[in-house]
Amino acid sequence: MALKPFIVHGVQLFVAEKSRVAQGRCLEAGSAAEACRIAEEKVRVGRAIGAAAFTRTVVDPDYDDGGEPVTLAIFGKVPPGLADQLPF
């Protein structure tokens, strides 16, 4: 039986580590709009130096099978090249 793909939304936080930008926690969100709101808020209140809201199609979560994440919005400082992944 084929698995039905589903969409996941999330936020990748970025932190300062030894004077560079490093990945922090990854948070789940219920929608693309919520992911953008969470990402912006985490940077605004100082919980992270940067954040990226993303969406991803997943086919089989047990095997991390699915499409590449699509960056919806970025806030604050993020690693070089991440802004190039924005879909506009």
C-alpha atoms as a PDB file:
ATOM      1  CA  MET A   1       0.000   0.000   0.000  1.00  0.00           C
ATOM      2  CA  ALA A   2       1.387   3.380  -1.029  1.00  0.00           C
ATOM      3  CA  LEU A   3       1.863   6.026   1.618  1.00  0.00           C
ATOM      4  CA  LYS A   4       0.051   9.318   1.183  1.00  0.00           C
ATOM      5  CA  PRO A   5       2.426  12.315   1.226  1.00  0.00           C
ATOM      6  CA  PHE A   6       1.752  15.071   3.738  1.00  0.00           C
ATOM      7  CA  ILE A   7       3.078  18.573   4.328  1.00  0.00           C
ATOM      8  CA  VAL A   8       5.034  19.536   7.447  1.00  0.00           C
ATOM      9  CA  HIS A   9       5.874  23.067   8.532  1.00  0.00           C
ATOM     10  CA  GLY A  10       8.667  24.040  10.847  1.00  0.00           C
ATOM     11  CA  VAL A  11      11.179  26.556  12.084  1.00  0.00           C
ATOM     12  CA  GLN A  12      14.949  26.082  12.136  1.00  0.00           C
ATOM     13  CA  LEU A  13      16.545  28.279  14.784  1.00  0.00           C
ATOM     14  CA  PHE A  14      20.124  29.543  14.531  1.00  0.00           C
ATOM     15  CA  VAL A  15      22.408  30.448  17.442  1.00  0.00           C
ATOM     16  CA  ALA A  16      25.810  32.079  17.859  1.00  0.00           C
ATOM     17  CA  GLU A  17      28.503  29.495  18.523  1.00  0.00           C
ATOM     18  CA  LYS A  18      32.195  30.447  18.677  1.00  0.00           C
ATOM     19  CA  SER A  19      31.560  33.624  16.637  1.00  0.00           C
ATOM     20  CA  ARG A  20      29.691  31.803  13.863  1.00  0.00           C
ATOM     21  CA  VAL A  21      26.067  31.040  13.059  1.00  0.00           C
ATOM     22  CA  ALA A  22      25.147  27.449  13.968  1.00  0.00           C
ATOM     23  CA  GLN A  23      21.960  25.386  13.816  1.00  0.00           C
ATOM     24  CA  GLY A  24      19.853  25.395  16.940  1.00  0.00           C
ATOM     25  CA  ARG A  25      16.587  23.626  17.666  1.00  0.00           C
ATOM     26  CA  CYS A  26      14.054  22.737  15.003  1.00  0.00           C
ATOM     27  CA  LEU A  27      10.438  23.423  15.966  1.00  0.00           C
ATOM     28  CA  GLU A  28       7.225  22.087  14.440  1.00  0.00           C
ATOM     29  CA  ALA A  29       4.399  24.381  13.340  1.00  0.00           C
ATOM     30  CA  GLY A  30       0.800  23.742  12.348  1.00  0.00           C
ATOM     31  CA  SER A  31       0.844  25.875   9.202  1.00  0.00           C
ATOM     32  CA  ALA A  32       3.115  27.956   7.016  1.00  0.00           C
ATOM     33  CA  ALA A  33       1.770  31.160   8.579  1.00  0.00           C
ATOM     34  CA  GLU A  34       2.401  29.823  12.086  1.00  0.00           C
ATOM     35  CA  ALA A  35       5.961  28.829  11.132  1.00  0.00           C
ATOM     36  CA  CYS A  36       6.646  32.380   9.922  1.00  0.00           C
ATOM     37  CA  ARG A  37       5.122  33.880  13.082  1.00  0.00           C
ATOM     38  CA  ILE A  38       7.171  31.601  15.375  1.00  0.00           C
ATOM     39  CA  ALA A  39      10.409  32.274  13.470  1.00  0.00           C
ATOM     40  CA  GLU A  40       9.921  36.040  13.644  1.00  0.00           C
ATOM     41  CA  GLU A  41       8.987  35.949  17.342  1.00  0.00           C
ATOM     42  CA  LYS A  42      11.976  33.793  18.389  1.00  0.00           C
ATOM     43  CA  VAL A  43      14.364  36.317  16.825  1.00  0.00           C
ATOM     44  CA  ARG A  44      12.454  39.367  18.120  1.00  0.00           C
ATOM     45  CA  VAL A  45      12.522  38.163  21.756  1.00  0.00           C
ATOM     46  CA  GLY A  46      16.170  37.053  21.558  1.00  0.00           C
ATOM     47  CA  ARG A  47      15.692  33.273  21.720  1.00  0.00           C
ATOM     48  CA  ALA A  48      17.778  32.929  18.547  1.00  0.00           C
ATOM     49  CA  ILE A  49      19.980  35.172  16.417  1.00  0.00           C
ATOM     50  CA  GLY A  50      18.220  33.897  13.305  1.00  0.00           C
ATOM     51  CA  ALA A  51      15.383  31.659  12.188  1.00  0.00           C
ATOM     52  CA  ALA A  52      14.041  30.162   8.980  1.00  0.00           C
ATOM     53  CA  ALA A  53      10.432  29.094   8.458  1.00  0.00           C
ATOM     54  CA  PHE A  54      10.093  26.162   6.065  1.00  0.00           C
ATOM     55  CA  THR A  55       7.686  23.662   4.594  1.00  0.00           C
ATOM     56  CA  ARG A  56       8.408  20.133   3.387  1.00  0.00           C
ATOM     57  CA  THR A  57       6.514  17.267   1.753  1.00  0.00           C
ATOM     58  CA  VAL A  58       7.056  13.975   3.615  1.00  0.00           C
ATOM     59  CA  VAL A  59       6.213  10.542   2.204  1.00  0.00           C
ATOM     60  CA  ASP A  60       7.546   8.223   4.916  1.00  0.00           C
ATOM     61  CA  PRO A  61       8.668   9.827   8.184  1.00  0.00           C
ATOM     62  CA  ASP A  62      10.212   6.557   9.421  1.00  0.00           C
ATOM     63  CA  TYR A  63      12.828   6.791   6.675  1.00  0.00           C
ATOM     64  CA  ASP A  64      12.961  10.608   6.383  1.00  0.00           C
ATOM     65  CA  ASP A  65      11.657  10.142   2.852  1.00  0.00           C
ATOM     66  CA  GLY A  66      10.350  13.250   1.146  1.00  0.00           C
ATOM     67  CA  GLY A  67      11.177  16.426  -0.671  1.00  0.00           C
ATOM     68  CA  GLU A  68      13.730  19.064   0.181  1.00  0.00           C
ATOM     69  CA  PRO A  69      12.591  21.805   2.567  1.00  0.00           C
ATOM     70  CA  VAL A  70      11.351  25.006   0.946  1.00  0.00           C
ATOM     71  CA  THR A  71      12.347  28.125   2.871  1.00  0.00           C
ATOM     72  CA  LEU A  72       9.347  30.423   3.352  1.00  0.00           C
ATOM     73  CA  ALA A  73      10.943  33.306   5.272  1.00  0.00           C
ATOM     74  CA  ILE A  74      14.102  34.146   7.170  1.00  0.00           C
ATOM     75  CA  PHE A  75      14.619  36.456  10.129  1.00  0.00           C
ATOM     76  CA  GLY A  76      17.819  37.731  11.732  1.00  0.00           C
ATOM     77  CA  LYS A  77      21.222  36.200  11.027  1.00  0.00           C
ATOM     78  CA  VAL A  78      21.260  32.900   9.133  1.00  0.00           C
ATOM     79  CA  PRO A  79      24.067  30.944   7.440  1.00  0.00           C
ATOM     80  CA  PRO A  80      25.311  32.251   4.096  1.00  0.00           C
ATOM     81  CA  GLY A  81      23.324  30.913   1.145  1.00  0.00           C
ATOM     82  CA  LEU A  82      20.095  30.270   3.038  1.00  0.00           C
ATOM     83  CA  ALA A  83      18.486  33.407   1.608  1.00  0.00           C
ATOM     84  CA  ASP A  84      19.229  32.036  -1.877  1.00  0.00           C
ATOM     85  CA  GLN A  85      16.808  29.180  -1.143  1.00  0.00           C
ATOM     86  CA  LEU A  86      13.813  31.460  -0.761  1.00  0.00           C
ATOM     87  CA  PRO A  87      11.154  30.678  -3.384  1.00  0.00           C
ATOM     88  CA  PHE A  88      11.069  34.212  -4.843  1.00  0.00           C
END
